[in-house]
C-alpha atoms as a PDB file:
ATOM      1  CA  UNK A   1     -13.944  -5.561  11.004  1.00  0.00           C
ATOM      2  CA  UNK A   2     -13.137  -9.187  10.217  1.00  0.00           C
ATOM      3  CA  UNK A   3      -9.915 -11.158  10.469  1.00  0.00           C
ATOM      4  CA  UNK A   4      -9.241 -12.976   7.198  1.00  0.00           C
ATOM      5  CA  UNK A   5      -6.557 -15.300   5.871  1.00  0.00           C
ATOM      6  CA  UNK A   6      -6.056 -15.146   2.108  1.00  0.00           C
ATOM      7  CA  UNK A   7      -3.501 -15.619  -0.664  1.00  0.00           C
ATOM      8  CA  UNK A   8      -2.803 -12.586  -2.815  1.00  0.00           C
ATOM      9  CA  UNK A   9      -0.279 -11.469  -5.439  1.00  0.00           C
ATOM     10  CA  UNK A  10       2.368  -8.935  -4.483  1.00  0.00           C
ATOM     11  CA  UNK A  11       0.806  -6.272  -6.737  1.00  0.00           C
ATOM     12  CA  UNK A  12      -2.735  -6.817  -5.445  1.00  0.00           C
ATOM     13  CA  UNK A  13      -1.449  -6.677  -1.856  1.00  0.00           C
ATOM     14  CA  UNK A  14       0.257  -3.344  -2.528  1.00  0.00           C
ATOM     15  CA  UNK A  15      -2.982  -1.956  -3.980  1.00  0.00           C
ATOM     16  CA  UNK A  16      -4.936  -2.988  -0.868  1.00  0.00           C
ATOM     17  CA  UNK A  17      -2.301  -1.334   1.308  1.00  0.00           C
ATOM     18  CA  UNK A  18      -2.563   1.897  -0.715  1.00  0.00           C
ATOM     19  CA  UNK A  19      -6.358   1.858  -0.241  1.00  0.00           C
ATOM     20  CA  UNK A  20      -5.885   1.311   3.512  1.00  0.00           C
ATOM     21  CA  UNK A  21      -8.202  -1.675   3.231  1.00  0.00           C
ATOM     22  CA  UNK A  22      -6.249  -3.615   5.849  1.00  0.00           C
ATOM     23  CA  UNK A  23      -6.461  -2.255   9.360  1.00  0.00           C
ATOM     24  CA  UNK A  24      -3.811  -4.539  10.857  1.00  0.00           C
ATOM     25  CA  UNK A  25      -1.619  -7.294   9.442  1.00  0.00           C
ATOM     26  CA  UNK A  26      -1.283 -10.124  11.945  1.00  0.00           C
ATOM     27  CA  UNK A  27       0.863 -12.479   9.847  1.00  0.00           C
ATOM     28  CA  UNK A  28       2.338 -12.487   6.366  1.00  0.00           C
ATOM     29  CA  UNK A  29       4.201 -15.281   4.584  1.00  0.00           C
ATOM     30  CA  UNK A  30       5.990 -14.618   1.304  1.00  0.00           C
ATOM     31  CA  UNK A  31       5.575 -17.599  -1.033  1.00  0.00           C
ATOM     32  CA  UNK A  32       8.516 -16.340  -3.077  1.00  0.00           C
ATOM     33  CA  UNK A  33       9.045 -14.533  -6.329  1.00  0.00           C
ATOM     34  CA  UNK A  34       8.394 -17.697  -8.341  1.00  0.00           C
ATOM     35  CA  UNK A  35       4.806 -17.840  -7.024  1.00  0.00           C
ATOM     36  CA  UNK A  36       4.581 -14.026  -6.657  1.00  0.00           C
ATOM     37  CA  UNK A  37       2.150 -14.374  -3.758  1.00  0.00           C
ATOM     38  CA  UNK A  38       1.718 -13.770  -0.041  1.00  0.00           C
ATOM     39  CA  UNK A  39      -0.420 -15.624   2.459  1.00  0.00           C
ATOM     40  CA  UNK A  40      -1.826 -12.855   4.655  1.00  0.00           C
ATOM     41  CA  UNK A  41      -3.767 -12.872   7.919  1.00  0.00           C
ATOM     42  CA  UNK A  42      -5.167  -9.390   8.443  1.00  0.00           C
ATOM     43  CA  UNK A  43      -7.909  -7.388  10.077  1.00  0.00           C
ATOM     44  CA  UNK A  44     -10.033  -6.074   7.185  1.00  0.00           C
ATOM     45  CA  UNK A  45     -12.326  -3.074   7.322  1.00  0.00           C
ATOM     46  CA  UNK A  46     -15.980  -3.948   6.553  1.00  0.00           C
ATOM     47  CA  UNK A  47     -16.181  -1.465   3.667  1.00  0.00           C
ATOM     48  CA  UNK A  48     -13.209  -3.174   1.975  1.00  0.00           C
ATOM     49  CA  UNK A  49     -14.287  -6.819   2.291  1.00  0.00           C
ATOM     50  CA  UNK A  50     -15.421  -7.017  -1.343  1.00  0.00           C
ATOM     51  CA  UNK A  51     -12.118  -5.564  -2.589  1.00  0.00           C
ATOM     52  CA  UNK A  52     -10.141  -8.142  -0.611  1.00  0.00           C
ATOM     53  CA  UNK A  53     -12.333 -10.985  -1.873  1.00  0.00           C
ATOM     54  CA  UNK A  54     -12.011  -9.820  -5.497  1.00  0.00           C
ATOM     55  CA  UNK A  55      -8.212  -9.462  -5.322  1.00  0.00           C
ATOM     56  CA  UNK A  56      -7.543 -12.737  -3.474  1.00  0.00           C
ATOM     57  CA  UNK A  57      -6.107 -15.676  -5.382  1.00  0.00           C
ATOM     58  CA  UNK A  58      -8.199 -18.025  -3.236  1.00  0.00           C
ATOM     59  CA  UNK A  59     -11.361 -17.781  -1.193  1.00  0.00           C
ATOM     60  CA  UNK A  60     -10.578 -15.803   2.002  1.00  0.00           C
ATOM     61  CA  UNK A  61     -11.190 -17.679   5.235  1.00  0.00           C
ATOM     62  CA  UNK A  62     -12.452 -16.097   8.456  1.00  0.00           C
ATOM     63  CA  UNK A  63     -10.051 -16.781  11.307  1.00  0.00           C
ATOM     64  CA  UNK A  64      -9.844 -16.012  15.013  1.00  0.00           C
ATOM     65  CA  UNK A  65      -6.769 -14.095  16.071  1.00  0.00           C
ATOM     66  CA  UNK A  66      -4.682 -14.673  18.063  1.00  0.00           C
ATOM     67  CA  UNK A  67      -4.592 -18.316  17.190  1.00  0.00           C
ATOM     68  CA  UNK A  68      -4.577 -20.696  20.078  1.00  0.00           C
ATOM     69  CA  UNK A  69      -1.824 -23.331  20.091  1.00  0.00           C
END
């Protein structure tokens, strides 16, 4: 599994959740209904990496979690 940070529309996020593509959500920021997007940091199952990449509004970035201050 990989920890990714990515921007995704509300609908695409719901579809990933229904597929159980995200093992754990570490952080989520709602960019509002005007933008209709979330910025998500989540642990993604290997078999669902392509689905997350395809549905993301930007290029997902690998991150280490927990973040060190």
